Protein backbone atom coordinates (compact mmCIF):
# COMPACT_ATOMS: atom_id res chain seq x y z
CA UNK A 1 16.41 184.40 -16.23
CA UNK A 2 17.67 186.35 -13.21
CA UNK A 3 21.39 186.12 -12.58
CA UNK A 4 20.71 184.96 -9.01
CA UNK A 5 18.96 181.87 -10.41
CA UNK A 6 21.99 180.63 -12.34
CA UNK A 7 24.39 179.38 -9.59
CA UNK A 8 22.17 176.53 -8.32
CA UNK A 9 21.43 175.43 -11.89
CA UNK A 10 25.13 175.31 -12.76
CA UNK A 11 25.93 173.55 -9.49
CA UNK A 12 23.24 170.93 -10.15
CA UNK A 13 24.93 170.22 -13.49
CA UNK A 14 28.57 170.51 -12.44
CA UNK A 15 28.52 168.12 -9.49
CA UNK A 16 27.40 164.99 -11.40
CA UNK A 17 29.37 165.86 -14.55
CA UNK A 18 32.64 165.99 -12.61
CA UNK A 19 31.95 163.11 -10.23
CA UNK A 20 30.37 160.74 -12.76
CA UNK A 21 30.97 161.86 -16.35
CA UNK A 22 34.49 163.30 -16.27
CA UNK A 23 35.70 160.58 -13.90
CA UNK A 24 34.31 158.02 -16.42
CA UNK A 25 32.23 156.32 -13.72
CA UNK A 26 29.30 157.03 -16.04
CA UNK A 27 30.62 157.51 -19.60
CA UNK A 28 28.57 159.56 -22.10
CA UNK A 29 26.33 156.76 -23.38
CA UNK A 30 25.31 156.00 -19.81
CA UNK A 31 25.42 159.51 -18.35
CA UNK A 32 23.16 161.07 -20.99
CA UNK A 33 20.49 158.42 -20.79
CA UNK A 34 17.51 160.70 -19.98
CA UNK A 35 16.29 158.83 -16.90
CA UNK A 36 19.77 158.23 -15.54
CA UNK A 37 20.73 161.86 -16.19
CA UNK A 38 17.78 163.15 -14.19
CA UNK A 39 18.47 160.76 -11.34
CA UNK A 40 22.12 161.85 -11.19
CA UNK A 41 21.06 165.52 -11.15
CA UNK A 42 18.67 164.79 -8.29
CA UNK A 43 21.33 162.80 -6.44
CA UNK A 44 24.54 164.79 -6.86
CA UNK A 45 23.25 168.18 -7.91
CA UNK A 46 20.44 168.49 -5.41
CA UNK A 47 22.68 167.07 -2.68
CA UNK A 48 25.29 169.77 -3.35
CA UNK A 49 22.62 172.51 -3.40
CA UNK A 50 21.12 171.34 -0.10
CA UNK A 51 24.52 171.24 1.60
CA UNK A 52 25.52 174.68 0.37
CA UNK A 53 22.17 176.24 1.33
CA UNK A 54 22.22 174.62 4.78
CA UNK A 55 25.67 176.01 5.58
CA UNK A 56 24.90 179.51 4.30
CA UNK A 57 21.49 179.77 5.96
CA UNK A 58 22.87 178.54 9.28
CA UNK A 59 25.85 180.86 9.10
CA UNK A 60 28.28 178.00 9.58
CA UNK A 61 31.93 178.21 8.47
CA UNK A 62 32.20 177.30 4.80
CA UNK A 63 34.60 174.51 5.72
CA UNK A 64 31.50 172.74 7.11
CA UNK A 65 30.70 171.91 3.48
CA UNK A 66 33.51 169.33 3.59
CA UNK A 67 32.04 167.66 6.66
CA UNK A 68 28.57 167.63 5.14
CA UNK A 69 30.15 166.23 1.97
CA UNK A 70 31.17 163.27 4.12
CA UNK A 71 27.52 162.88 5.08
CA UNK A 72 26.55 163.00 1.41
CA UNK A 73 29.05 160.23 0.64
CA UNK A 74 27.47 158.11 3.34
CA UNK A 75 23.98 158.75 1.95
CA UNK A 76 24.92 157.79 -1.60
CA UNK A 77 27.32 154.92 -0.99
CA UNK A 78 25.88 153.68 2.29
CA UNK A 79 22.15 154.01 1.72
CA UNK A 80 21.39 154.53 -1.98
CA UNK A 81 23.75 152.13 -3.78
CA UNK A 82 24.88 150.28 -0.60
CA UNK A 83 28.45 149.79 -1.82
CA UNK A 84 29.64 150.23 1.79
CA UNK A 85 28.13 146.83 2.56
CA UNK A 86 27.73 144.87 -0.67
CA UNK A 87 30.79 142.61 -1.26
CA UNK A 88 29.73 142.10 -4.87
CA UNK A 89 29.54 145.79 -5.81
CA UNK A 90 30.85 146.12 -9.38
CA UNK A 91 33.63 148.64 -8.68
CA UNK A 92 35.14 146.99 -5.60
CA UNK A 93 37.60 144.51 -7.04
CA UNK A 94 39.91 143.35 -4.28
CA UNK A 95 38.23 145.75 -1.84
CA UNK A 96 35.23 143.41 -1.67
CA UNK A 97 37.45 141.05 0.33
CA UNK A 98 40.38 143.15 1.54
CA UNK A 99 39.27 145.22 4.52
CA UNK A 100 35.84 143.62 4.82
CA UNK A 101 34.73 143.05 8.41
CA UNK A 102 31.33 142.65 10.10
CA UNK A 103 29.57 143.21 6.78
CA UNK A 104 31.33 146.47 5.88
CA UNK A 105 33.86 147.16 3.12
CA UNK A 106 35.96 149.46 5.32
CA UNK A 107 38.73 150.53 2.93
CA UNK A 108 36.24 151.27 0.16
CA UNK A 109 33.85 153.04 2.55
CA UNK A 110 36.49 155.43 3.90
CA UNK A 111 37.89 156.13 0.45
CA UNK A 112 34.57 156.74 -1.31
CA UNK A 113 33.34 158.96 1.52
CA UNK A 114 36.39 161.17 1.02
CA UNK A 115 35.94 161.10 -2.77
CA UNK A 116 32.38 162.37 -2.57
CA UNK A 117 33.19 164.97 0.04
CA UNK A 118 35.92 166.54 -2.10
CA UNK A 119 35.07 165.72 -5.72
CA UNK A 120 31.27 165.48 -5.71
CA UNK A 121 30.46 168.27 -3.25
CA UNK A 122 33.23 170.63 -2.12
CA UNK A 123 34.96 171.28 -5.46
CA UNK A 124 31.77 171.93 -7.49
CA UNK A 125 30.45 174.29 -4.80
CA UNK A 126 33.79 176.13 -4.62
CA UNK A 127 33.96 176.52 -8.40
CA UNK A 128 30.46 177.98 -8.74
CA UNK A 129 30.93 180.24 -5.70
CA UNK A 130 34.15 181.63 -7.15
CA UNK A 131 32.51 182.27 -10.52
CA UNK A 132 29.66 184.08 -8.75
CA UNK A 133 31.79 185.59 -6.01
CA UNK A 134 29.36 188.47 -5.43
CA UNK A 135 26.75 185.89 -4.39
CA UNK A 136 29.18 183.75 -2.39
CA UNK A 137 27.65 184.42 1.03
CA UNK A 138 24.00 184.65 0.00
CA UNK A 139 21.38 181.91 -0.23
CA UNK A 140 20.80 180.82 -3.81
CA UNK A 141 17.40 179.22 -3.20
CA UNK A 142 15.37 182.03 -1.66
CA UNK A 143 12.03 180.23 -1.64
CA UNK A 144 11.63 177.76 1.21
CA UNK A 145 9.04 175.94 -0.88
CA UNK A 146 11.59 175.32 -3.66
CA UNK A 147 14.12 174.19 -1.09
CA UNK A 148 11.59 171.72 0.31
CA UNK A 149 10.88 170.40 -3.19
CA UNK A 150 14.62 169.92 -3.83
CA UNK A 151 14.98 168.09 -0.50
CA UNK A 152 11.95 165.88 -1.22
CA UNK A 153 13.21 164.95 -4.69
CA UNK A 154 16.67 164.19 -3.26
CA UNK A 155 15.21 161.87 -0.62
CA UNK A 156 12.87 160.18 -3.11
CA UNK A 157 15.74 159.68 -5.56
CA UNK A 158 17.86 157.93 -2.93
CA UNK A 159 14.96 155.70 -1.89
CA UNK A 160 14.21 154.73 -5.50
CA UNK A 161 17.87 153.90 -6.15
CA UNK A 162 17.96 151.77 -2.99
CA UNK A 163 14.79 149.85 -3.72
CA UNK A 164 14.49 149.71 -7.50
CA UNK A 165 17.86 150.26 -9.18
CA UNK A 166 20.23 148.58 -6.73
CA UNK A 167 17.92 146.05 -5.13
CA UNK A 168 20.04 142.89 -5.26
CA UNK A 169 21.63 143.38 -1.84
CA UNK A 170 20.29 144.75 1.43
CA UNK A 171 22.40 145.21 4.58
CA UNK A 172 20.90 144.52 7.98
CA UNK A 173 18.70 146.98 9.85
CA UNK A 174 21.53 147.42 12.37
CA UNK A 175 23.87 148.54 9.59
CA UNK A 176 21.36 151.15 8.48
CA UNK A 177 20.75 152.36 12.04
CA UNK A 178 24.46 152.84 12.75
CA UNK A 179 24.93 154.56 9.38
CA UNK A 180 22.17 157.08 10.07
CA UNK A 181 23.34 157.67 13.63
CA UNK A 182 26.80 158.61 12.34
CA UNK A 183 25.28 160.88 9.68
CA UNK A 184 23.12 162.73 12.21
CA UNK A 185 26.14 163.11 14.50
CA UNK A 186 28.18 164.66 11.69
CA UNK A 187 25.36 167.06 10.78
CA UNK A 188 25.19 168.10 14.43
CA UNK A 189 28.96 168.58 14.58
CA UNK A 190 29.25 170.62 11.39
CA UNK A 191 28.17 173.84 13.09
CA UNK A 192 30.49 173.28 16.01
CA UNK A 193 33.73 172.37 14.22
CA UNK A 194 35.77 174.89 12.27
CA UNK A 195 38.28 173.00 10.16
CA UNK A 196 41.64 174.75 10.19
CA UNK A 197 43.32 174.67 6.79
CA UNK A 198 46.83 173.37 6.34
CA UNK A 199 48.71 176.34 4.92
CA UNK A 200 49.66 175.77 1.30
CA UNK A 201 51.49 177.78 -1.34
CA UNK A 202 49.82 181.08 -2.21
CA UNK A 203 50.47 180.48 -5.89
CA UNK A 204 47.87 179.37 -8.47
CA UNK A 205 50.11 177.01 -10.42
CA UNK A 206 51.51 175.31 -7.33
CA UNK A 207 48.01 174.92 -5.91
CA UNK A 208 46.79 173.39 -9.17
CA UNK A 209 49.71 170.95 -9.12
CA UNK A 210 48.99 170.17 -5.47
CA UNK A 211 45.36 169.34 -6.25
CA UNK A 212 46.38 167.27 -9.27
CA UNK A 213 48.89 165.26 -7.22
CA UNK A 214 46.33 164.81 -4.43
CA UNK A 215 43.97 163.11 -6.89
CA UNK A 216 46.79 160.84 -8.03
CA UNK A 217 47.67 160.09 -4.41
CA UNK A 218 44.04 159.29 -3.65
CA UNK A 219 43.97 156.52 -6.25
CA UNK A 220 47.31 155.16 -5.07
CA UNK A 221 46.17 155.03 -1.44
CA UNK A 222 42.72 153.60 -2.18
CA UNK A 223 43.50 151.12 -4.95
CA UNK A 224 47.29 150.73 -4.96
CA UNK A 225 48.13 149.95 -1.35
CA UNK A 226 45.65 147.04 -1.01
CA UNK A 227 47.52 145.25 -3.80
CA UNK A 228 50.83 145.42 -1.90
CA UNK A 229 49.76 142.82 0.63
CA UNK A 230 49.89 145.18 3.61
CA UNK A 231 48.01 144.13 6.75
CA UNK A 232 44.55 145.66 6.57
CA UNK A 233 44.88 147.67 9.79
CA UNK A 234 48.02 149.41 8.46
CA UNK A 235 46.25 150.26 5.20
CA UNK A 236 43.25 151.67 7.10
CA UNK A 237 45.51 153.76 9.37
CA UNK A 238 47.25 155.21 6.29
CA UNK A 239 43.87 155.91 4.69
CA UNK A 240 42.55 157.65 7.83
CA UNK A 241 45.68 159.84 8.02
CA UNK A 242 45.26 160.67 4.32
CA UNK A 243 41.58 161.47 4.99
CA UNK A 244 42.45 163.84 7.84
CA UNK A 245 45.16 165.66 5.85
CA UNK A 246 42.82 165.91 2.83
CA UNK A 247 40.00 167.50 4.84
CA UNK A 248 42.36 170.13 6.21
CA UNK A 249 43.94 170.70 2.79
CA UNK A 250 40.68 171.24 0.98
CA UNK A 251 39.32 173.62 3.56
CA UNK A 252 41.54 176.02 1.58
CA UNK A 253 38.81 175.97 -1.05
CA UNK A 254 36.89 178.23 1.31
CA UNK A 255 39.84 180.08 2.85
CA UNK A 256 39.19 183.79 2.26
CA UNK A 257 42.83 184.58 3.06
CA UNK A 258 43.68 183.13 -0.36
CA UNK A 259 42.87 184.94 -3.59
CA UNK A 260 40.05 183.71 -5.80
CA UNK A 261 42.57 182.71 -8.48
CA UNK A 262 44.52 180.56 -6.03
CA UNK A 263 41.39 178.87 -4.71
CA UNK A 264 40.04 178.22 -8.21
CA UNK A 265 43.36 176.74 -9.33
CA UNK A 266 43.25 174.40 -6.33
CA UNK A 267 39.66 173.41 -7.10
CA UNK A 268 40.50 172.60 -10.73
CA UNK A 269 43.57 170.52 -9.86
CA UNK A 270 41.98 167.18 -8.84
CA UNK A 271 39.49 166.85 -11.72
CA UNK A 272 42.25 167.83 -14.17
CA UNK A 273 43.73 164.36 -13.65
CA UNK A 274 40.56 162.94 -15.22
CA UNK A 275 41.14 165.16 -18.27
CA UNK A 276 44.60 163.68 -18.82
CA UNK A 277 43.26 160.16 -18.34
CA UNK A 278 40.19 160.57 -20.57
CA UNK A 279 41.80 158.99 -23.71
CA UNK A 280 42.92 156.04 -21.57
CA UNK A 281 39.38 155.71 -20.22
CA UNK A 282 38.01 155.55 -23.77
CA UNK A 283 40.47 153.10 -25.27
CA UNK A 284 40.92 150.79 -22.29
CA UNK A 285 40.30 147.15 -23.18
CA UNK A 286 39.44 146.20 -19.59
CA UNK A 287 36.12 148.03 -19.35
CA UNK A 288 32.79 146.23 -19.36
CA UNK A 289 30.82 149.40 -20.21
CA UNK A 290 30.93 151.58 -23.34
CA UNK A 291 33.41 154.45 -22.77
CA UNK A 292 33.12 155.95 -26.26
CA UNK A 293 33.26 159.74 -26.20
CA UNK A 294 35.44 160.09 -23.10
CA UNK A 295 38.21 161.85 -25.05
CA UNK A 296 35.72 164.50 -26.18
CA UNK A 297 34.55 164.85 -22.58
CA UNK A 298 38.15 165.49 -21.53
CA UNK A 299 38.64 168.11 -24.26
CA UNK A 300 35.39 169.84 -23.31
CA UNK A 301 36.36 170.07 -19.65
CA UNK A 302 39.88 171.26 -20.49
CA UNK A 303 38.38 174.16 -22.45
CA UNK A 304 35.79 174.79 -19.73
CA UNK A 305 38.36 174.89 -16.93
CA UNK A 306 40.66 177.23 -18.85
CA UNK A 307 37.73 179.52 -19.68
CA UNK A 308 36.46 179.57 -16.10
CA UNK A 309 39.91 180.28 -14.68
CA UNK A 310 40.92 183.06 -17.07
CA UNK A 311 37.54 184.64 -17.86
CA UNK A 312 35.26 184.09 -14.90
CA UNK A 313 37.42 184.47 -11.80
CA UNK A 314 38.67 187.79 -10.45
CA UNK A 315 41.60 188.25 -8.15
């Protein structure tokens, strides 16, 4: 296999394994179900490939990946699984009531959009680009026919999830229309907006700690604050401010003024929290699914991240 063919394959695998497997959203018994595995590859992996290829082919600033990651979050959570709108979505908890207005779970929607932008899309793309730094600015899918196939499978996968797998709730046509209008607006804006990074420490360890603490802060803001009894509008304002700061922070993933080591350390910081939590995921008594094997997942990713950082990334 040609070396140029490897980055999109690794990206297609890395995006769902971080966002679903390592996070324990889909523990091993669920994640490695053959049909579910393929659908997650087509959803997360193909989505990440399409975003990365669109930005590179258009010559847009790499920070546009974060904005298009927001669009991806809206596609998955708004259209495919419809958790933006469904008050009975299994992961919502209090967020199915708190912050719900005109048929939208606003706190959840803002938080999950940010999660997918950073964790599902931007970080996996940054990691693979830094490993294959000589191919960083080149298209990875040269054939337009293959790119069209990837796009078609991605669209079909989302439609099948919407209709067949998560069919118990359907928002109104107006909800869908507004959702797609916002998505098209963001796609149009991505080539016109250059996100300026917030300057952070030019030190790998400090950047790793910063990413790690950001992930912890994300969970506190999304799931902790709603349990404090704050008025919803205050919670949403805090979440929007956190969203804005996060987008500017993580544009450093693509900031060429930082060394590859620093950028990789920053990329590995947020998912490292999942590694530390993996034994708790496995032995939690509150879960309704089967989290067996999560500790091994955490150990595997710890070894993988150390290997990637020390062996695969140059200065």
